[in-house]
N, C-alpha and C. Protein backbone atom coordinates (compact mmCIF):
# COMPACT_ATOMS: atom_id res chain seq x y z
N MET A 1 0.76 -1.18 -0.19
CA MET A 1 -0.07 0.07 -0.08
C MET A 1 0.71 1.27 0.00
N ASN A 2 0.67 2.05 -0.91
CA ASN A 2 1.57 3.27 -1.07
C ASN A 2 1.02 4.32 -0.16
N ASN A 3 2.02 4.87 0.73
CA ASN A 3 1.47 6.04 1.54
C ASN A 3 0.37 6.03 2.18
N PRO A 4 -0.13 4.93 3.05
CA PRO A 4 -1.19 4.82 3.69
C PRO A 4 -1.55 5.83 4.87
N LEU A 5 -2.72 5.78 5.32
CA LEU A 5 -3.01 6.78 6.67
C LEU A 5 -2.12 6.21 7.74
N THR A 6 -1.73 7.04 8.45
CA THR A 6 -0.94 6.56 9.70
C THR A 6 -1.29 7.66 10.88
N PRO A 7 -1.20 7.22 12.19
CA PRO A 7 -1.41 8.08 13.31
C PRO A 7 -0.61 9.29 13.17
N GLU A 8 0.50 9.40 12.35
CA GLU A 8 1.48 10.50 12.29
C GLU A 8 1.07 11.36 11.13
N ASN A 9 0.24 10.88 10.22
CA ASN A 9 0.17 11.87 9.05
C ASN A 9 -1.32 12.36 8.77
N ALA A 10 -2.22 11.98 9.69
CA ALA A 10 -3.73 12.32 9.31
C ALA A 10 -4.10 13.23 10.46
N VAL A 11 -5.23 14.20 9.94
CA VAL A 11 -5.83 15.12 10.93
C VAL A 11 -7.35 14.78 10.53
N MET A 12 -8.16 14.91 11.50
CA MET A 12 -9.64 14.75 11.31
C MET A 12 -10.40 15.85 11.46
N ILE A 13 -11.44 16.01 10.68
CA ILE A 13 -12.25 17.30 10.62
C ILE A 13 -13.67 16.91 10.47
N PHE A 14 -14.38 17.43 11.72
CA PHE A 14 -15.89 16.91 11.73
C PHE A 14 -16.53 18.31 11.42
N PHE A 15 -17.36 18.08 10.35
CA PHE A 15 -17.97 19.38 9.68
C PHE A 15 -19.55 19.47 9.90
N ASP A 16 -19.91 20.43 10.69
CA ASP A 16 -21.24 20.74 10.98
C ASP A 16 -22.23 19.47 11.54
N ASP A 17 -21.62 18.79 12.38
CA ASP A 17 -22.33 17.70 13.03
C ASP A 17 -23.38 18.32 14.07
N GLN A 18 -24.47 18.99 13.59
CA GLN A 18 -25.17 19.78 14.43
C GLN A 18 -26.53 19.34 14.59
N THR A 19 -27.22 19.44 15.82
CA THR A 19 -28.66 18.71 16.11
C THR A 19 -29.64 19.17 14.95
N GLY A 20 -29.74 20.36 14.60
CA GLY A 20 -30.76 20.68 13.81
C GLY A 20 -30.38 20.06 12.15
N LEU A 21 -29.36 20.11 11.88
CA LEU A 21 -28.93 19.54 10.48
C LEU A 21 -28.98 18.13 10.59
N MET A 22 -28.79 17.45 11.55
CA MET A 22 -28.82 15.95 11.76
C MET A 22 -30.28 15.57 11.41
N LEU A 23 -31.32 16.36 12.00
CA LEU A 23 -32.65 15.99 11.76
C LEU A 23 -33.13 16.06 10.29
N ALA A 24 -32.32 16.82 9.49
CA ALA A 24 -32.66 17.25 8.22
C ALA A 24 -32.09 16.23 7.23
N THR A 25 -31.26 15.42 7.52
CA THR A 25 -30.72 14.51 6.63
C THR A 25 -31.54 13.45 6.14
N GLY A 26 -31.37 12.91 4.99
CA GLY A 26 -32.00 11.91 4.48
C GLY A 26 -31.35 10.80 3.80
N SER A 27 -30.02 10.89 3.72
CA SER A 27 -29.28 9.86 2.94
C SER A 27 -28.97 8.64 3.70
N ILE A 28 -28.83 8.60 5.09
CA ILE A 28 -28.70 7.75 6.03
C ILE A 28 -29.52 7.94 7.20
N GLU A 29 -29.95 6.76 7.94
CA GLU A 29 -30.68 6.96 8.94
C GLU A 29 -29.98 7.63 10.26
N THR A 30 -30.69 8.57 10.96
CA THR A 30 -30.07 9.47 11.72
C THR A 30 -29.29 8.67 12.91
N GLN A 31 -29.86 7.65 13.43
CA GLN A 31 -29.40 6.99 14.55
C GLN A 31 -28.02 6.33 14.19
N ALA A 32 -27.93 5.73 12.89
CA ALA A 32 -26.79 5.12 12.43
C ALA A 32 -25.64 6.01 12.13
N LEU A 33 -26.01 7.40 11.63
CA LEU A 33 -25.24 8.38 11.39
C LEU A 33 -24.51 8.92 12.61
N GLN A 34 -25.22 9.04 13.72
CA GLN A 34 -24.87 9.50 14.91
C GLN A 34 -23.62 8.45 15.59
N GLN A 35 -24.12 7.18 15.45
CA GLN A 35 -23.32 6.19 15.90
C GLN A 35 -21.95 6.12 15.25
N ASN A 36 -22.08 6.19 13.88
CA ASN A 36 -20.76 6.28 13.20
C ASN A 36 -19.71 7.58 13.48
N ILE A 37 -20.48 8.63 13.62
CA ILE A 37 -19.73 9.87 14.13
C ILE A 37 -19.08 9.58 15.47
N ALA A 38 -19.80 8.98 16.29
CA ALA A 38 -19.22 8.75 17.65
C ALA A 38 -18.07 7.70 17.56
N ALA A 39 -18.21 6.65 16.66
CA ALA A 39 -17.19 5.72 16.48
C ALA A 39 -16.01 6.22 15.81
N LEU A 40 -16.12 7.30 14.90
CA LEU A 40 -15.07 7.89 14.07
C LEU A 40 -14.25 8.80 15.23
N ALA A 41 -15.03 9.62 16.10
CA ALA A 41 -14.48 10.28 17.18
C ALA A 41 -13.66 9.50 18.00
N ARG A 42 -14.10 8.18 18.45
CA ARG A 42 -13.35 7.36 19.20
C ARG A 42 -12.00 6.88 18.49
N VAL A 43 -12.06 6.71 17.24
CA VAL A 43 -10.98 6.40 16.38
C VAL A 43 -9.93 7.45 16.48
N ALA A 44 -10.27 8.65 16.54
CA ALA A 44 -9.37 9.84 16.73
C ALA A 44 -8.56 9.85 18.05
N HIS A 45 -9.37 9.37 19.00
CA HIS A 45 -8.87 9.25 20.32
C HIS A 45 -7.88 8.10 20.41
N ILE A 46 -8.13 6.95 19.84
CA ILE A 46 -7.45 5.72 20.10
C ILE A 46 -6.06 6.05 19.36
N PHE A 47 -5.99 6.73 18.23
CA PHE A 47 -4.74 6.82 17.57
C PHE A 47 -4.23 8.32 17.66
N HIS A 48 -4.69 9.19 18.66
CA HIS A 48 -4.25 10.28 19.05
C HIS A 48 -3.99 11.32 17.79
N LEU A 49 -5.15 11.25 16.90
CA LEU A 49 -4.99 12.11 15.72
C LEU A 49 -5.59 13.63 16.32
N PRO A 50 -4.96 14.54 15.65
CA PRO A 50 -5.41 16.04 16.00
C PRO A 50 -6.84 16.13 15.22
N VAL A 51 -7.73 16.95 15.96
CA VAL A 51 -8.99 17.00 15.58
C VAL A 51 -9.38 18.58 15.26
N VAL A 52 -10.17 18.90 14.25
CA VAL A 52 -10.77 20.12 14.11
C VAL A 52 -12.27 19.96 14.03
N LEU A 53 -12.94 20.84 14.86
CA LEU A 53 -14.48 20.82 14.92
C LEU A 53 -14.91 22.00 14.30
N THR A 54 -15.79 22.03 13.44
CA THR A 54 -16.50 23.28 12.71
C THR A 54 -17.96 23.09 12.87
N THR A 55 -18.66 24.27 12.90
CA THR A 55 -19.99 24.49 12.80
C THR A 55 -20.48 25.74 12.15
N SER A 56 -21.60 25.86 11.85
CA SER A 56 -22.25 26.96 11.08
C SER A 56 -23.45 27.49 11.87
N ALA A 57 -23.30 28.68 12.27
CA ALA A 57 -24.58 29.38 13.03
C ALA A 57 -25.09 28.54 14.17
N ALA A 58 -24.17 27.99 14.93
CA ALA A 58 -24.48 27.27 16.10
C ALA A 58 -25.16 27.82 17.10
N THR A 59 -25.20 29.11 17.37
CA THR A 59 -25.99 29.80 18.29
C THR A 59 -27.40 30.08 17.93
N ASN A 60 -27.73 29.82 16.70
CA ASN A 60 -29.36 29.91 16.21
C ASN A 60 -30.08 28.66 16.51
N PRO A 61 -30.96 28.85 17.66
CA PRO A 61 -31.66 27.54 18.15
C PRO A 61 -32.68 27.21 16.96
N GLN A 62 -33.05 28.09 16.19
CA GLN A 62 -34.03 27.79 15.07
C GLN A 62 -33.39 27.25 13.82
N GLY A 63 -32.01 27.28 13.78
CA GLY A 63 -31.26 26.86 12.66
C GLY A 63 -30.44 25.56 12.64
N PRO A 64 -29.25 25.53 12.32
CA PRO A 64 -28.51 24.40 12.44
C PRO A 64 -28.44 23.69 13.94
N GLY A 65 -28.44 24.68 14.93
CA GLY A 65 -28.39 24.13 16.18
C GLY A 65 -26.81 23.98 16.77
N PRO A 66 -26.72 23.42 17.94
CA PRO A 66 -25.45 23.20 18.56
C PRO A 66 -24.79 21.83 18.04
N LEU A 67 -23.50 21.64 18.35
CA LEU A 67 -22.82 20.48 18.08
C LEU A 67 -23.53 19.33 18.69
N ILE A 68 -23.63 17.98 18.06
CA ILE A 68 -24.32 17.20 18.73
C ILE A 68 -23.56 16.59 19.87
N PRO A 69 -24.28 15.88 21.00
CA PRO A 69 -23.64 15.48 22.17
C PRO A 69 -22.56 14.64 22.14
N GLU A 70 -22.82 13.72 21.14
CA GLU A 70 -21.61 12.70 20.85
C GLU A 70 -20.08 13.39 20.64
N LEU A 71 -20.14 14.51 19.95
CA LEU A 71 -18.78 15.34 19.81
C LEU A 71 -18.59 16.05 20.94
N ARG A 72 -19.49 16.77 21.57
CA ARG A 72 -19.28 17.64 22.75
C ARG A 72 -18.69 16.69 23.87
N GLU A 73 -19.15 15.65 24.10
CA GLU A 73 -18.59 14.60 25.07
C GLU A 73 -17.26 13.96 24.73
N ALA A 74 -17.14 13.72 23.27
CA ALA A 74 -15.77 13.24 22.91
C ALA A 74 -14.71 14.29 23.04
N PHE A 75 -15.05 15.51 22.74
CA PHE A 75 -13.94 16.48 22.82
C PHE A 75 -14.26 17.83 23.60
N PRO A 76 -14.54 17.57 25.06
CA PRO A 76 -15.02 18.45 25.82
C PRO A 76 -14.16 19.81 25.86
N ASP A 77 -12.77 19.69 25.69
CA ASP A 77 -11.98 20.88 25.88
C ASP A 77 -11.46 21.39 24.46
N LEU A 78 -12.39 20.90 23.25
CA LEU A 78 -12.03 21.60 22.03
C LEU A 78 -13.21 22.28 21.55
N PRO A 79 -13.08 23.65 21.43
CA PRO A 79 -14.29 24.46 21.08
C PRO A 79 -14.43 24.22 19.52
N PRO A 80 -15.58 24.30 19.00
CA PRO A 80 -15.66 24.03 17.48
C PRO A 80 -15.62 25.52 17.01
N ILE A 81 -15.01 25.66 15.78
CA ILE A 81 -14.82 26.95 15.11
C ILE A 81 -16.11 27.24 14.38
N ASP A 82 -16.94 28.27 14.72
CA ASP A 82 -18.25 28.55 14.02
C ASP A 82 -17.91 29.51 12.96
N ARG A 83 -18.38 29.15 11.68
CA ARG A 83 -17.99 30.15 10.69
C ARG A 83 -19.36 30.43 9.94
N THR A 84 -19.21 31.47 8.99
CA THR A 84 -20.16 31.83 8.05
C THR A 84 -20.04 31.29 6.74
N THR A 85 -18.94 31.00 6.18
CA THR A 85 -18.67 30.38 4.96
C THR A 85 -19.23 28.93 4.69
N ILE A 86 -19.80 28.67 3.61
CA ILE A 86 -20.32 27.27 3.28
C ILE A 86 -19.19 26.32 3.39
N GLY A 87 -18.12 26.54 2.59
CA GLY A 87 -16.93 25.85 2.68
C GLY A 87 -16.15 26.22 3.88
N ALA A 88 -15.44 25.18 4.54
CA ALA A 88 -14.57 25.60 5.64
C ALA A 88 -13.27 26.11 5.04
N TRP A 89 -12.99 25.91 3.85
CA TRP A 89 -11.56 26.43 3.55
C TRP A 89 -11.40 27.82 3.40
N GLU A 90 -12.60 28.39 3.31
CA GLU A 90 -12.65 29.88 3.14
C GLU A 90 -12.35 30.65 4.50
N ASP A 91 -12.26 30.05 5.52
CA ASP A 91 -12.22 30.36 6.85
C ASP A 91 -10.82 30.24 7.37
N PRO A 92 -10.13 31.39 7.48
CA PRO A 92 -8.58 31.21 7.88
C PRO A 92 -8.29 30.58 9.22
N ARG A 93 -9.32 30.72 10.02
CA ARG A 93 -9.06 30.10 11.47
C ARG A 93 -9.05 28.59 11.18
N ILE A 94 -9.79 27.90 10.24
CA ILE A 94 -9.83 26.40 10.05
C ILE A 94 -8.41 26.04 9.20
N THR A 95 -8.19 26.78 8.21
CA THR A 95 -7.18 26.35 7.52
C THR A 95 -5.70 26.53 8.29
N ASP A 96 -5.65 27.44 9.12
CA ASP A 96 -4.44 27.78 10.18
C ASP A 96 -4.52 26.55 10.99
N ALA A 97 -5.59 26.19 11.60
CA ALA A 97 -5.84 24.89 12.47
C ALA A 97 -5.01 23.57 11.90
N ILE A 98 -5.52 23.48 10.62
CA ILE A 98 -5.12 22.29 9.73
C ILE A 98 -3.58 22.41 9.64
N ARG A 99 -3.13 23.51 9.07
CA ARG A 99 -1.74 23.79 8.67
C ARG A 99 -0.74 23.41 9.95
N GLN A 100 -1.35 23.99 11.26
CA GLN A 100 -0.54 23.92 12.37
C GLN A 100 -0.23 22.41 12.69
N THR A 101 -1.09 21.57 12.20
CA THR A 101 -0.84 20.11 12.54
C THR A 101 0.42 19.58 11.76
N GLY A 102 0.54 20.19 10.71
CA GLY A 102 1.82 19.71 9.96
C GLY A 102 1.41 18.45 9.14
N ARG A 103 0.26 18.12 8.85
CA ARG A 103 -0.33 16.86 8.46
C ARG A 103 -0.89 17.21 6.93
N LYS A 104 -0.76 16.25 6.09
CA LYS A 104 -1.26 16.55 4.73
C LYS A 104 -2.50 15.62 4.27
N LYS A 105 -2.83 14.64 5.21
CA LYS A 105 -4.01 13.75 4.85
C LYS A 105 -5.08 14.18 5.72
N LEU A 106 -6.22 14.66 5.14
CA LEU A 106 -7.27 15.19 5.80
C LEU A 106 -8.54 14.09 5.79
N LEU A 107 -8.95 13.82 6.90
CA LEU A 107 -10.09 12.97 7.04
C LEU A 107 -11.36 13.88 7.36
N LEU A 108 -12.24 13.94 6.38
CA LEU A 108 -13.38 14.91 6.48
C LEU A 108 -14.70 13.97 6.58
N SER A 109 -15.46 14.50 7.49
CA SER A 109 -16.93 13.97 7.62
C SER A 109 -17.88 15.00 8.11
N GLY A 110 -19.07 14.72 7.78
CA GLY A 110 -20.13 15.53 8.45
C GLY A 110 -21.32 15.82 7.53
N ILE A 111 -21.82 17.13 7.64
CA ILE A 111 -23.12 17.58 6.95
C ILE A 111 -22.82 18.90 6.25
N ALA A 112 -23.09 19.05 5.09
CA ALA A 112 -23.83 18.31 4.19
C ALA A 112 -22.71 17.79 3.12
N THR A 113 -22.75 16.49 2.60
CA THR A 113 -21.76 15.91 1.81
C THR A 113 -21.77 16.79 0.48
N ASP A 114 -22.90 17.15 -0.08
CA ASP A 114 -22.94 17.75 -1.42
C ASP A 114 -22.80 19.33 -1.30
N ALA A 115 -22.55 19.89 -0.13
CA ALA A 115 -22.38 21.33 -0.01
C ALA A 115 -21.05 21.60 0.63
N GLY A 116 -21.05 21.83 2.00
CA GLY A 116 -19.91 22.24 2.58
C GLY A 116 -18.76 21.29 2.58
N ILE A 117 -19.06 19.94 2.69
CA ILE A 117 -18.08 19.04 2.60
C ILE A 117 -17.40 18.81 1.22
N ALA A 118 -18.30 19.01 0.24
CA ALA A 118 -17.77 18.92 -1.11
C ALA A 118 -16.89 20.06 -1.43
N MET A 119 -17.30 21.21 -1.01
CA MET A 119 -16.68 22.48 -1.30
C MET A 119 -15.26 22.45 -0.52
N THR A 120 -15.28 22.08 0.67
CA THR A 120 -14.13 22.08 1.62
C THR A 120 -13.10 20.98 0.95
N ALA A 121 -13.61 19.76 0.56
CA ALA A 121 -12.65 18.84 0.08
C ALA A 121 -12.04 19.32 -1.26
N LEU A 122 -12.84 19.80 -2.02
CA LEU A 122 -12.12 20.38 -3.46
C LEU A 122 -11.32 21.33 -3.22
N SER A 123 -11.48 22.31 -2.29
CA SER A 123 -10.51 23.37 -2.05
C SER A 123 -9.25 22.94 -1.44
N ALA A 124 -9.42 21.86 -0.59
CA ALA A 124 -8.18 21.29 0.28
C ALA A 124 -7.36 20.59 -0.80
N LYS A 125 -8.14 19.97 -1.71
CA LYS A 125 -7.34 19.13 -2.77
C LYS A 125 -6.62 20.01 -3.64
N GLU A 126 -7.21 21.05 -3.98
CA GLU A 126 -6.55 21.98 -4.91
C GLU A 126 -5.37 22.77 -4.15
N ALA A 127 -5.38 22.73 -2.77
CA ALA A 127 -4.20 23.39 -2.10
C ALA A 127 -3.16 22.28 -1.81
N GLY A 128 -3.28 21.02 -2.15
CA GLY A 128 -2.19 20.16 -2.20
C GLY A 128 -2.50 19.11 -1.01
N TYR A 129 -3.55 18.98 -0.53
CA TYR A 129 -3.81 18.10 0.62
C TYR A 129 -4.33 16.83 -0.06
N GLU A 130 -4.13 15.58 0.72
CA GLU A 130 -4.74 14.35 0.31
C GLU A 130 -5.90 14.36 1.00
N VAL A 131 -7.15 14.23 0.41
CA VAL A 131 -8.47 14.29 1.07
C VAL A 131 -9.16 13.13 0.90
N TYR A 132 -9.68 12.64 2.17
CA TYR A 132 -10.44 11.55 2.46
C TYR A 132 -11.82 11.95 3.01
N VAL A 133 -13.12 11.46 2.33
CA VAL A 133 -14.26 11.71 2.86
C VAL A 133 -14.74 10.38 3.56
N VAL A 134 -15.20 10.36 4.84
CA VAL A 134 -15.63 9.21 5.55
C VAL A 134 -17.21 9.10 5.31
N THR A 135 -17.52 8.31 4.36
CA THR A 135 -18.78 8.31 3.80
C THR A 135 -19.87 7.97 4.79
N ASP A 136 -19.80 6.97 5.65
CA ASP A 136 -20.79 6.63 6.46
C ASP A 136 -20.90 7.52 7.70
N ALA A 137 -20.10 8.44 7.96
CA ALA A 137 -20.11 9.54 9.06
C ALA A 137 -20.37 10.78 8.38
N SER A 138 -20.98 10.65 7.12
CA SER A 138 -21.52 11.96 6.55
C SER A 138 -22.84 11.71 5.88
N ALA A 139 -23.46 13.00 5.66
CA ALA A 139 -24.77 12.71 5.12
C ALA A 139 -25.27 14.12 4.38
N THR A 140 -26.40 13.90 3.73
CA THR A 140 -27.10 15.14 3.08
C THR A 140 -28.55 14.75 2.91
N TRP A 141 -29.18 15.68 2.15
CA TRP A 141 -30.77 15.68 2.29
C TRP A 141 -31.42 14.45 1.56
N SER A 142 -30.69 13.77 0.66
CA SER A 142 -31.31 12.82 -0.01
C SER A 142 -30.29 11.78 -0.54
N ALA A 143 -30.77 10.53 -0.78
CA ALA A 143 -29.71 9.60 -1.34
C ALA A 143 -29.19 10.20 -2.69
N GLN A 144 -30.03 10.68 -3.51
CA GLN A 144 -29.63 11.10 -4.83
C GLN A 144 -28.56 12.17 -4.82
N ALA A 145 -28.81 13.00 -3.87
CA ALA A 145 -27.87 14.10 -3.60
C ALA A 145 -26.44 13.74 -3.06
N GLU A 146 -26.60 12.63 -2.36
CA GLU A 146 -25.33 11.97 -1.80
C GLU A 146 -24.66 11.37 -2.85
N THR A 147 -25.24 10.60 -3.75
CA THR A 147 -24.57 9.86 -4.81
C THR A 147 -23.92 10.82 -5.87
N ALA A 148 -24.77 11.94 -6.18
CA ALA A 148 -24.09 12.83 -6.94
C ALA A 148 -22.94 13.56 -6.36
N ALA A 149 -22.77 13.78 -5.07
CA ALA A 149 -21.64 14.38 -4.49
C ALA A 149 -20.53 13.46 -4.35
N LEU A 150 -20.67 12.22 -4.18
CA LEU A 150 -19.62 11.37 -4.06
C LEU A 150 -19.04 11.02 -5.39
N LEU A 151 -19.87 11.08 -6.46
CA LEU A 151 -19.34 10.92 -7.70
C LEU A 151 -18.46 12.21 -8.20
N ARG A 152 -18.89 13.43 -7.80
CA ARG A 152 -18.24 14.52 -8.10
C ARG A 152 -16.81 14.50 -7.34
N LEU A 153 -16.72 13.97 -5.99
CA LEU A 153 -15.58 13.93 -5.37
C LEU A 153 -14.64 13.03 -5.91
N THR A 154 -15.00 11.80 -6.34
CA THR A 154 -14.08 10.71 -6.79
C THR A 154 -13.60 11.11 -8.05
N GLN A 155 -14.22 11.96 -8.87
CA GLN A 155 -13.68 12.34 -10.11
C GLN A 155 -12.65 13.42 -9.94
N ALA A 156 -12.72 14.01 -8.65
CA ALA A 156 -11.61 15.06 -8.47
C ALA A 156 -10.47 14.60 -7.57
N GLY A 157 -10.56 13.13 -7.39
CA GLY A 157 -9.46 12.47 -6.74
C GLY A 157 -9.53 12.27 -5.23
N VAL A 158 -10.75 12.68 -4.63
CA VAL A 158 -11.00 12.56 -3.23
C VAL A 158 -11.10 10.97 -3.00
N ILE A 159 -10.65 10.46 -1.86
CA ILE A 159 -10.80 9.07 -1.56
C ILE A 159 -11.88 8.96 -0.71
N LEU A 160 -12.73 7.97 -0.89
CA LEU A 160 -13.95 7.62 -0.11
C LEU A 160 -13.58 6.42 0.76
N MET A 161 -13.98 6.55 2.22
CA MET A 161 -13.74 5.42 3.08
C MET A 161 -14.89 5.32 3.82
N SER A 162 -14.99 4.16 4.56
CA SER A 162 -15.87 4.03 5.89
C SER A 162 -15.06 4.20 7.08
N TRP A 163 -15.87 4.65 8.28
CA TRP A 163 -15.04 4.75 9.47
C TRP A 163 -14.20 3.41 9.91
N VAL A 164 -14.69 2.24 9.63
CA VAL A 164 -14.03 0.90 9.79
C VAL A 164 -12.71 0.86 9.09
N ALA A 165 -12.80 1.26 7.73
CA ALA A 165 -11.69 1.16 6.86
C ALA A 165 -10.55 2.22 7.38
N VAL A 166 -11.06 3.57 7.81
CA VAL A 166 -9.98 4.43 8.41
C VAL A 166 -9.37 3.67 9.57
N ALA A 167 -10.19 3.20 10.43
CA ALA A 167 -9.51 2.51 11.75
C ALA A 167 -8.69 1.48 11.24
N ALA A 168 -8.95 0.71 10.36
CA ALA A 168 -8.16 -0.58 9.91
C ALA A 168 -6.83 -0.14 9.50
N GLU A 169 -6.80 1.02 8.63
CA GLU A 169 -5.65 1.60 7.73
C GLU A 169 -4.66 2.15 8.93
N LEU A 170 -5.36 2.84 9.86
CA LEU A 170 -4.54 3.41 11.07
C LEU A 170 -3.93 2.33 11.78
N GLN A 171 -4.60 1.33 12.15
CA GLN A 171 -4.08 0.23 12.83
C GLN A 171 -2.99 -0.59 12.02
N MET A 172 -3.27 -1.08 10.89
CA MET A 172 -2.44 -1.81 9.95
C MET A 172 -1.97 -3.22 10.48
N ASP A 173 -1.72 -3.18 11.79
CA ASP A 173 -1.06 -4.52 12.32
C ASP A 173 -1.59 -4.58 13.63
N TRP A 174 -2.43 -5.88 13.92
CA TRP A 174 -2.93 -6.16 15.27
C TRP A 174 -1.98 -6.32 16.28
N SER A 175 -0.71 -6.23 16.18
CA SER A 175 0.35 -6.43 17.10
C SER A 175 0.57 -5.03 17.74
N ARG A 176 0.15 -3.91 17.05
CA ARG A 176 0.22 -2.47 17.75
C ARG A 176 -0.53 -2.46 18.93
N PRO A 177 0.14 -1.63 19.81
CA PRO A 177 -0.54 -1.45 21.21
C PRO A 177 -2.04 -0.75 21.14
N THR A 178 -2.47 -0.38 20.07
CA THR A 178 -3.83 0.22 20.09
C THR A 178 -4.88 -0.95 19.82
N SER A 179 -4.54 -2.20 19.52
CA SER A 179 -5.24 -3.15 19.07
C SER A 179 -6.57 -3.34 20.18
N ASP A 180 -6.14 -3.54 21.44
CA ASP A 180 -7.25 -3.75 22.26
C ASP A 180 -8.37 -2.79 22.25
N ALA A 181 -7.93 -1.53 22.27
CA ALA A 181 -8.95 -0.50 22.27
C ALA A 181 -9.82 -0.51 20.88
N LEU A 182 -9.06 -0.79 19.74
CA LEU A 182 -9.95 -0.75 18.65
C LEU A 182 -10.71 -1.93 18.46
N ALA A 183 -10.43 -3.11 19.08
CA ALA A 183 -11.14 -4.36 19.05
C ALA A 183 -12.45 -4.17 20.08
N GLN A 184 -12.25 -3.31 21.00
CA GLN A 184 -13.24 -2.97 21.92
C GLN A 184 -14.41 -1.95 21.15
N LEU A 185 -13.71 -0.96 20.50
CA LEU A 185 -14.69 -0.04 19.61
C LEU A 185 -15.38 -0.91 18.70
N LEU A 186 -14.72 -1.88 17.83
CA LEU A 186 -15.50 -2.56 16.79
C LEU A 186 -16.48 -3.43 17.48
N SER A 187 -16.27 -4.10 18.63
CA SER A 187 -17.42 -4.82 19.40
C SER A 187 -18.37 -4.06 19.82
N THR A 188 -18.15 -2.82 20.16
CA THR A 188 -19.29 -1.90 20.58
C THR A 188 -20.26 -1.40 19.53
N HIS A 189 -19.67 -1.24 18.13
CA HIS A 189 -20.31 -0.55 17.20
C HIS A 189 -20.88 -1.60 16.05
N ILE A 190 -20.29 -2.75 16.00
CA ILE A 190 -20.50 -3.62 14.99
C ILE A 190 -20.88 -4.99 15.64
N THR A 191 -22.27 -5.26 15.36
CA THR A 191 -23.08 -6.40 15.92
C THR A 191 -22.23 -7.64 15.66
N ARG A 192 -21.96 -7.90 14.35
CA ARG A 192 -21.26 -9.01 13.90
C ARG A 192 -19.86 -9.25 14.47
N TRP A 193 -19.23 -8.26 14.53
CA TRP A 193 -17.75 -8.37 15.08
C TRP A 193 -17.79 -8.70 16.53
N SER A 194 -18.95 -8.27 17.33
CA SER A 194 -19.16 -8.58 18.72
C SER A 194 -19.23 -10.05 18.77
N TYR A 195 -19.98 -10.59 17.86
CA TYR A 195 -20.32 -12.05 17.91
C TYR A 195 -19.12 -12.95 17.59
N LEU A 196 -18.47 -12.34 16.69
CA LEU A 196 -17.06 -13.09 16.26
C LEU A 196 -16.16 -13.04 17.42
N ALA A 197 -15.97 -11.73 18.08
CA ALA A 197 -14.99 -11.92 19.11
C ALA A 197 -15.29 -12.78 20.15
N ALA A 198 -16.61 -12.71 20.43
CA ALA A 198 -17.07 -13.51 21.58
C ALA A 198 -16.88 -15.00 21.40
N HIS A 199 -16.98 -15.55 20.04
CA HIS A 199 -16.73 -17.02 19.88
C HIS A 199 -15.35 -17.22 19.34
N HIS A 200 -14.47 -16.27 19.33
CA HIS A 200 -13.09 -16.34 19.09
C HIS A 200 -12.12 -16.73 20.22
N SER A 201 -12.65 -16.18 21.35
CA SER A 201 -11.91 -16.17 22.64
C SER A 201 -12.03 -17.66 23.20
């Protein structure tokens, strides 16, 4: 595998995972989306990845709403960067936070895949970053819009992955010390994995 994701070269960005926006998504069931976001946040913890949280109009209770509890609890000391731009790359606070990590592989997830995520991914790609979109931790208003966005992103060279694929690539070898924590995460979030783990011991 050429130049894979590693705990030393990746940075994770959670994009507009807000309570109001969560209720408006239609490309994935809301509970599954929240569980996948929570799992991806745990992956960031297990592998000690730098994280950037960003929101849009989070103080408007009638609008997008605050960050979902799963991310507030996962990163209690990391304030989200609240912006006005649709794409995050137009906000220098966000690009500065990413540049300060010194990492060139961006793991991007959130809402909405066809708007803010797509715009941010394409801008980051143009700026020389290797961009990954975690598809099962991202969503938009309809399945059709999601499909169109993912096709656009892949045509631009953005890499699509699931949260499990991200975790597996970061782990790479079960002999590494993060294996127990990752196995526990998989057992918690994937029913089949829990069944296999119970019968493997």
